[in-house]
Amino acid sequence: MSIIVGFVPTPAGEAALTAGIAEAQLRNEDLVIVNSAREGALVDKAVATAGLLEEAAKRATDAGVRTSVLQPSYQHDLADEFLELAREVNASLIVIGLRHRSQVGKFIMGSHAQRILIQADRPVLAVKANGAGR
């Protein structure tokens, strides 16, 4: 079994990675770091550079955690495709970062994190970055 972490280059993504590494150590499980981009998008703020992904993987391996990094693209719905990936890697836990959004922002833009929390068929650990929500 493994732990899957949704990683984006933000404070919330860093918090998710830190929590994922800690959980993988605690459970003695592999860590799968996932960073996805919408297929065909020319620019996507959520896409981590190869260097950032290497640093993330190094943090985990330095902590004694077997780690793999996936950077799949998605066509339709990020939440659905992330949950499918969690099933494919037989994840015992999903770790995601949360950021503060207004109710209007959630209504207009939707929330991938909210959908993952509601629709997941396995435990989800949702973490905030230090100082988030202030």
N, C-alpha and C. Protein backbone atom coordinates (compact mmCIF):
# COMPACT_ATOMS: atom_id res chain seq x y z
N MET A 1 0.84 -1.17 0.00
CA MET A 1 0.00 0.00 0.00
C MET A 1 0.88 1.23 0.00
N SER A 2 0.26 2.35 -0.31
CA SER A 2 1.01 3.59 -0.39
C SER A 2 0.15 4.76 0.07
N ILE A 3 0.81 5.88 0.21
CA ILE A 3 0.14 7.13 0.54
C ILE A 3 0.32 8.03 -0.67
N ILE A 4 -0.76 8.65 -1.11
CA ILE A 4 -0.70 9.52 -2.27
C ILE A 4 -0.89 10.97 -1.81
N VAL A 5 -0.04 11.84 -2.32
CA VAL A 5 -0.07 13.26 -1.95
C VAL A 5 -0.30 14.08 -3.21
N GLY A 6 -1.30 14.94 -3.16
CA GLY A 6 -1.50 15.92 -4.22
C GLY A 6 -0.59 17.11 -3.94
N PHE A 7 0.43 17.30 -4.78
CA PHE A 7 1.43 18.34 -4.54
C PHE A 7 1.31 19.44 -5.57
N VAL A 8 1.23 20.67 -5.09
CA VAL A 8 1.31 21.86 -5.94
C VAL A 8 2.34 22.80 -5.31
N PRO A 9 2.98 23.64 -6.10
CA PRO A 9 4.02 24.52 -5.56
C PRO A 9 3.44 25.73 -4.82
N THR A 10 2.79 25.46 -3.70
CA THR A 10 2.18 26.49 -2.86
C THR A 10 2.43 26.12 -1.40
N PRO A 11 2.17 27.04 -0.47
CA PRO A 11 2.30 26.66 0.94
C PRO A 11 1.40 25.47 1.33
N ALA A 12 0.20 25.42 0.77
CA ALA A 12 -0.69 24.29 1.06
C ALA A 12 -0.12 22.99 0.50
N GLY A 13 0.48 23.04 -0.67
CA GLY A 13 1.12 21.87 -1.26
C GLY A 13 2.31 21.39 -0.44
N GLU A 14 3.09 22.35 0.07
CA GLU A 14 4.21 22.01 0.93
C GLU A 14 3.73 21.36 2.23
N ALA A 15 2.64 21.88 2.78
CA ALA A 15 2.07 21.29 4.01
C ALA A 15 1.60 19.87 3.75
N ALA A 16 0.98 19.64 2.58
CA ALA A 16 0.52 18.29 2.23
C ALA A 16 1.71 17.34 2.10
N LEU A 17 2.78 17.80 1.47
CA LEU A 17 3.96 16.97 1.31
C LEU A 17 4.56 16.60 2.67
N THR A 18 4.68 17.58 3.54
CA THR A 18 5.23 17.33 4.88
C THR A 18 4.38 16.31 5.63
N ALA A 19 3.07 16.47 5.58
CA ALA A 19 2.17 15.53 6.25
C ALA A 19 2.24 14.15 5.61
N GLY A 20 2.35 14.10 4.28
CA GLY A 20 2.44 12.82 3.59
C GLY A 20 3.71 12.06 3.96
N ILE A 21 4.82 12.78 4.05
CA ILE A 21 6.07 12.14 4.45
C ILE A 21 5.95 11.58 5.87
N ALA A 22 5.38 12.37 6.77
CA ALA A 22 5.22 11.92 8.16
C ALA A 22 4.32 10.68 8.24
N GLU A 23 3.24 10.67 7.48
CA GLU A 23 2.33 9.51 7.49
C GLU A 23 3.00 8.29 6.89
N ALA A 24 3.78 8.47 5.83
CA ALA A 24 4.48 7.34 5.21
C ALA A 24 5.50 6.74 6.18
N GLN A 25 6.19 7.60 6.93
CA GLN A 25 7.12 7.10 7.95
C GLN A 25 6.37 6.32 9.02
N LEU A 26 5.29 6.91 9.51
CA LEU A 26 4.52 6.29 10.58
C LEU A 26 3.96 4.93 10.18
N ARG A 27 3.47 4.83 8.96
CA ARG A 27 2.81 3.61 8.48
C ARG A 27 3.77 2.65 7.78
N ASN A 28 5.01 3.10 7.55
CA ASN A 28 5.99 2.32 6.79
C ASN A 28 5.43 1.96 5.41
N GLU A 29 4.96 2.97 4.71
CA GLU A 29 4.40 2.79 3.38
C GLU A 29 5.13 3.68 2.38
N ASP A 30 5.00 3.34 1.12
CA ASP A 30 5.57 4.15 0.05
C ASP A 30 4.79 5.45 -0.08
N LEU A 31 5.42 6.46 -0.68
CA LEU A 31 4.79 7.74 -0.91
C LEU A 31 4.74 7.99 -2.41
N VAL A 32 3.57 8.36 -2.90
CA VAL A 32 3.40 8.71 -4.31
C VAL A 32 3.06 10.20 -4.35
N ILE A 33 3.94 10.99 -4.93
CA ILE A 33 3.75 12.43 -5.05
C ILE A 33 3.17 12.70 -6.44
N VAL A 34 2.01 13.36 -6.47
CA VAL A 34 1.32 13.61 -7.74
C VAL A 34 1.18 15.11 -7.98
N ASN A 35 1.56 15.53 -9.17
CA ASN A 35 1.38 16.91 -9.60
C ASN A 35 0.82 16.86 -11.01
N SER A 36 -0.40 17.35 -11.18
CA SER A 36 -1.09 17.22 -12.47
C SER A 36 -1.33 18.57 -13.13
N ALA A 37 -1.38 18.54 -14.44
CA ALA A 37 -1.71 19.73 -15.23
C ALA A 37 -2.82 19.39 -16.20
N ARG A 38 -3.65 20.39 -16.47
CA ARG A 38 -4.71 20.18 -17.46
C ARG A 38 -4.07 19.96 -18.82
N GLU A 39 -4.52 18.92 -19.51
CA GLU A 39 -3.98 18.60 -20.82
C GLU A 39 -4.22 19.75 -21.79
N GLY A 40 -3.17 20.17 -22.47
CA GLY A 40 -3.28 21.24 -23.46
C GLY A 40 -3.12 22.63 -22.89
N ALA A 41 -3.05 22.77 -21.57
CA ALA A 41 -2.89 24.10 -20.98
C ALA A 41 -1.46 24.59 -21.22
N LEU A 42 -1.33 25.80 -21.73
CA LEU A 42 -0.01 26.35 -21.98
C LEU A 42 0.66 26.82 -20.70
N VAL A 43 -0.13 27.34 -19.78
CA VAL A 43 0.38 27.82 -18.50
C VAL A 43 -0.55 27.30 -17.40
N ASP A 44 0.04 26.77 -16.34
CA ASP A 44 -0.75 26.27 -15.22
C ASP A 44 0.06 26.48 -13.96
N LYS A 45 -0.42 27.35 -13.06
CA LYS A 45 0.30 27.68 -11.84
C LYS A 45 0.48 26.47 -10.93
N ALA A 46 -0.35 25.45 -11.11
CA ALA A 46 -0.28 24.27 -10.25
C ALA A 46 0.82 23.31 -10.66
N VAL A 47 1.43 23.52 -11.82
CA VAL A 47 2.45 22.60 -12.30
C VAL A 47 3.78 22.91 -11.63
N ALA A 48 4.35 21.89 -11.03
CA ALA A 48 5.66 22.03 -10.39
C ALA A 48 6.75 21.76 -11.43
N THR A 49 7.84 22.47 -11.31
CA THR A 49 8.97 22.24 -12.20
C THR A 49 9.63 20.91 -11.85
N ALA A 50 10.43 20.42 -12.77
CA ALA A 50 11.15 19.17 -12.51
C ALA A 50 12.03 19.31 -11.28
N GLY A 51 12.64 20.49 -11.11
CA GLY A 51 13.50 20.72 -9.95
C GLY A 51 12.74 20.66 -8.64
N LEU A 52 11.54 21.25 -8.60
CA LEU A 52 10.72 21.20 -7.39
C LEU A 52 10.29 19.78 -7.06
N LEU A 53 9.95 19.02 -8.09
CA LEU A 53 9.54 17.63 -7.86
C LEU A 53 10.72 16.79 -7.39
N GLU A 54 11.91 17.06 -7.93
CA GLU A 54 13.10 16.35 -7.45
C GLU A 54 13.36 16.67 -5.98
N GLU A 55 13.22 17.96 -5.61
CA GLU A 55 13.41 18.36 -4.21
C GLU A 55 12.39 17.68 -3.30
N ALA A 56 11.14 17.61 -3.76
CA ALA A 56 10.09 16.96 -2.97
C ALA A 56 10.42 15.49 -2.75
N ALA A 57 10.83 14.82 -3.81
CA ALA A 57 11.18 13.40 -3.70
C ALA A 57 12.40 13.22 -2.80
N LYS A 58 13.37 14.11 -2.89
CA LYS A 58 14.57 14.02 -2.05
C LYS A 58 14.21 14.19 -0.57
N ARG A 59 13.30 15.11 -0.27
CA ARG A 59 12.86 15.27 1.12
C ARG A 59 12.32 13.96 1.68
N ALA A 60 11.53 13.28 0.86
CA ALA A 60 10.94 12.01 1.30
C ALA A 60 11.99 10.92 1.43
N THR A 61 12.84 10.78 0.44
CA THR A 61 13.85 9.72 0.50
C THR A 61 14.85 9.99 1.63
N ASP A 62 15.18 11.26 1.86
CA ASP A 62 16.06 11.60 2.99
C ASP A 62 15.43 11.23 4.33
N ALA A 63 14.09 11.18 4.35
CA ALA A 63 13.37 10.78 5.57
C ALA A 63 13.20 9.27 5.65
N GLY A 64 13.77 8.55 4.68
CA GLY A 64 13.70 7.10 4.70
C GLY A 64 12.45 6.52 4.07
N VAL A 65 11.77 7.30 3.23
CA VAL A 65 10.52 6.87 2.62
C VAL A 65 10.75 6.55 1.14
N ARG A 66 10.32 5.36 0.73
CA ARG A 66 10.36 5.02 -0.70
C ARG A 66 9.37 5.92 -1.43
N THR A 67 9.82 6.54 -2.50
CA THR A 67 9.02 7.60 -3.13
C THR A 67 9.00 7.45 -4.64
N SER A 68 7.85 7.76 -5.21
CA SER A 68 7.75 7.90 -6.66
C SER A 68 7.01 9.20 -6.95
N VAL A 69 7.27 9.76 -8.11
CA VAL A 69 6.65 11.02 -8.52
C VAL A 69 5.90 10.78 -9.82
N LEU A 70 4.66 11.21 -9.86
CA LEU A 70 3.84 11.12 -11.07
C LEU A 70 3.41 12.53 -11.46
N GLN A 71 3.47 12.81 -12.75
CA GLN A 71 3.01 14.10 -13.23
C GLN A 71 2.10 13.88 -14.44
N PRO A 72 0.95 13.24 -14.19
CA PRO A 72 0.03 12.97 -15.30
C PRO A 72 -0.75 14.23 -15.68
N SER A 73 -1.22 14.25 -16.91
CA SER A 73 -2.11 15.34 -17.30
C SER A 73 -3.54 14.83 -17.16
N TYR A 74 -4.47 15.74 -17.01
CA TYR A 74 -5.87 15.33 -16.92
C TYR A 74 -6.67 16.08 -17.98
N GLN A 75 -7.72 15.43 -18.47
CA GLN A 75 -8.53 16.01 -19.53
C GLN A 75 -9.80 16.66 -19.00
N HIS A 76 -10.48 15.99 -18.10
CA HIS A 76 -11.82 16.43 -17.74
C HIS A 76 -11.89 16.99 -16.33
N ASP A 77 -11.79 16.14 -15.36
CA ASP A 77 -12.00 16.56 -13.98
C ASP A 77 -10.84 16.09 -13.12
N LEU A 78 -10.13 17.04 -12.54
CA LEU A 78 -8.96 16.71 -11.73
C LEU A 78 -9.32 15.82 -10.56
N ALA A 79 -10.39 16.13 -9.85
CA ALA A 79 -10.77 15.34 -8.67
C ALA A 79 -11.04 13.89 -9.05
N ASP A 80 -11.81 13.66 -10.10
CA ASP A 80 -12.11 12.29 -10.54
C ASP A 80 -10.85 11.55 -10.94
N GLU A 81 -10.00 12.21 -11.70
CA GLU A 81 -8.79 11.54 -12.17
C GLU A 81 -7.81 11.28 -11.03
N PHE A 82 -7.74 12.19 -10.05
CA PHE A 82 -6.88 11.98 -8.88
C PHE A 82 -7.39 10.79 -8.06
N LEU A 83 -8.71 10.71 -7.86
CA LEU A 83 -9.26 9.59 -7.10
C LEU A 83 -9.05 8.26 -7.82
N GLU A 84 -9.13 8.27 -9.13
CA GLU A 84 -8.85 7.06 -9.90
C GLU A 84 -7.39 6.65 -9.73
N LEU A 85 -6.50 7.61 -9.73
CA LEU A 85 -5.09 7.33 -9.52
C LEU A 85 -4.85 6.76 -8.12
N ALA A 86 -5.56 7.26 -7.13
CA ALA A 86 -5.45 6.73 -5.76
C ALA A 86 -5.84 5.25 -5.74
N ARG A 87 -6.87 4.88 -6.49
CA ARG A 87 -7.27 3.47 -6.57
C ARG A 87 -6.19 2.65 -7.28
N GLU A 88 -5.64 3.20 -8.37
CA GLU A 88 -4.63 2.47 -9.14
C GLU A 88 -3.38 2.17 -8.33
N VAL A 89 -2.96 3.10 -7.47
CA VAL A 89 -1.75 2.87 -6.67
C VAL A 89 -2.07 2.22 -5.33
N ASN A 90 -3.33 1.86 -5.13
CA ASN A 90 -3.79 1.20 -3.91
C ASN A 90 -3.42 2.03 -2.68
N ALA A 91 -3.78 3.30 -2.72
CA ALA A 91 -3.45 4.22 -1.64
C ALA A 91 -4.27 3.90 -0.39
N SER A 92 -3.60 3.83 0.74
CA SER A 92 -4.30 3.65 2.01
C SER A 92 -4.76 5.00 2.56
N LEU A 93 -4.15 6.08 2.05
CA LEU A 93 -4.46 7.43 2.52
C LEU A 93 -4.19 8.43 1.41
N ILE A 94 -5.07 9.40 1.30
CA ILE A 94 -4.90 10.53 0.38
C ILE A 94 -4.57 11.74 1.22
N VAL A 95 -3.53 12.49 0.84
CA VAL A 95 -3.17 13.71 1.56
C VAL A 95 -3.27 14.88 0.59
N ILE A 96 -4.04 15.90 0.99
CA ILE A 96 -4.20 17.09 0.17
C ILE A 96 -4.02 18.33 1.02
N GLY A 97 -3.62 19.40 0.39
CA GLY A 97 -3.50 20.69 1.07
C GLY A 97 -4.73 21.53 0.80
N LEU A 98 -5.09 22.32 1.78
CA LEU A 98 -6.24 23.22 1.64
C LEU A 98 -5.78 24.66 1.70
N ARG A 99 -6.45 25.51 0.95
CA ARG A 99 -6.22 26.93 1.06
C ARG A 99 -7.55 27.60 1.28
N HIS A 100 -7.51 28.76 1.90
CA HIS A 100 -8.73 29.48 2.20
C HIS A 100 -9.33 30.05 0.91
N ARG A 101 -10.62 29.81 0.72
CA ARG A 101 -11.36 30.39 -0.41
C ARG A 101 -12.69 30.86 0.12
N SER A 102 -13.17 31.94 -0.45
CA SER A 102 -14.47 32.44 -0.04
C SER A 102 -15.57 31.50 -0.55
N GLN A 103 -16.75 31.62 0.03
CA GLN A 103 -17.88 30.80 -0.42
C GLN A 103 -18.21 31.08 -1.89
N VAL A 104 -18.13 32.35 -2.28
CA VAL A 104 -18.40 32.71 -3.67
C VAL A 104 -17.35 32.07 -4.58
N GLY A 105 -16.08 32.10 -4.17
CA GLY A 105 -15.02 31.48 -4.95
C GLY A 105 -15.24 29.99 -5.13
N LYS A 106 -15.68 29.33 -4.08
CA LYS A 106 -15.96 27.89 -4.16
C LYS A 106 -17.12 27.62 -5.10
N PHE A 107 -18.14 28.49 -5.04
CA PHE A 107 -19.32 28.31 -5.88
C PHE A 107 -18.98 28.50 -7.35
N ILE A 108 -18.22 29.54 -7.66
CA ILE A 108 -17.90 29.85 -9.05
C ILE A 108 -16.87 28.88 -9.61
N MET A 109 -15.80 28.65 -8.87
CA MET A 109 -14.69 27.86 -9.37
C MET A 109 -14.78 26.38 -8.98
N GLY A 110 -15.63 26.06 -8.02
CA GLY A 110 -15.65 24.70 -7.52
C GLY A 110 -14.45 24.46 -6.63
N SER A 111 -14.34 23.31 -6.07
CA SER A 111 -13.19 23.01 -5.22
C SER A 111 -12.81 21.55 -5.43
N HIS A 112 -11.63 21.36 -6.03
CA HIS A 112 -11.15 19.99 -6.22
C HIS A 112 -10.98 19.30 -4.88
N ALA A 113 -10.42 20.03 -3.91
CA ALA A 113 -10.21 19.44 -2.58
C ALA A 113 -11.53 19.01 -1.95
N GLN A 114 -12.54 19.86 -2.06
CA GLN A 114 -13.85 19.53 -1.48
C GLN A 114 -14.41 18.27 -2.12
N ARG A 115 -14.29 18.15 -3.42
CA ARG A 115 -14.81 16.96 -4.12
C ARG A 115 -14.03 15.72 -3.74
N ILE A 116 -12.71 15.86 -3.58
CA ILE A 116 -11.91 14.71 -3.15
C ILE A 116 -12.35 14.27 -1.76
N LEU A 117 -12.53 15.23 -0.86
CA LEU A 117 -12.97 14.90 0.51
C LEU A 117 -14.30 14.16 0.51
N ILE A 118 -15.23 14.61 -0.30
CA ILE A 118 -16.58 14.05 -0.31
C ILE A 118 -16.65 12.72 -1.05
N GLN A 119 -15.92 12.59 -2.15
CA GLN A 119 -16.09 11.43 -3.02
C GLN A 119 -15.08 10.31 -2.79
N ALA A 120 -14.07 10.53 -2.00
CA ALA A 120 -13.03 9.51 -1.81
C ALA A 120 -13.59 8.25 -1.17
N ASP A 121 -13.11 7.11 -1.63
CA ASP A 121 -13.51 5.83 -1.06
C ASP A 121 -12.46 5.29 -0.08
N ARG A 122 -11.58 6.19 0.37
CA ARG A 122 -10.54 5.86 1.35
C ARG A 122 -10.27 7.09 2.20
N PRO A 123 -9.57 6.97 3.30
CA PRO A 123 -9.34 8.13 4.18
C PRO A 123 -8.59 9.25 3.47
N VAL A 124 -8.95 10.47 3.85
CA VAL A 124 -8.31 11.68 3.31
C VAL A 124 -7.83 12.52 4.49
N LEU A 125 -6.57 12.94 4.41
CA LEU A 125 -6.01 13.87 5.38
C LEU A 125 -5.87 15.21 4.66
N ALA A 126 -6.61 16.21 5.13
CA ALA A 126 -6.57 17.54 4.54
C ALA A 126 -5.83 18.45 5.51
N VAL A 127 -4.78 19.10 5.02
CA VAL A 127 -3.96 19.96 5.87
C VAL A 127 -3.91 21.37 5.32
N LYS A 128 -3.72 22.32 6.24
CA LYS A 128 -3.55 23.72 5.85
C LYS A 128 -2.10 24.11 6.06
N ALA A 129 -1.67 25.10 5.30
CA ALA A 129 -0.33 25.65 5.52
C ALA A 129 -0.32 26.41 6.83
N ASN A 130 0.84 26.52 7.44
CA ASN A 130 0.95 27.31 8.66
C ASN A 130 0.44 28.72 8.40
N GLY A 131 -0.40 29.20 9.30
CA GLY A 131 -0.94 30.54 9.15
C GLY A 131 -2.11 30.64 8.20
N ALA A 132 -2.53 29.53 7.58
CA ALA A 132 -3.66 29.57 6.65
C ALA A 132 -4.95 29.87 7.40
N GLY A 133 -5.79 30.61 6.78
CA GLY A 133 -7.09 30.92 7.36
C GLY A 133 -7.09 32.14 8.24
N ARG A 134 -5.98 32.82 8.35
CA ARG A 134 -5.94 34.03 9.17
C ARG A 134 -6.34 35.23 8.38
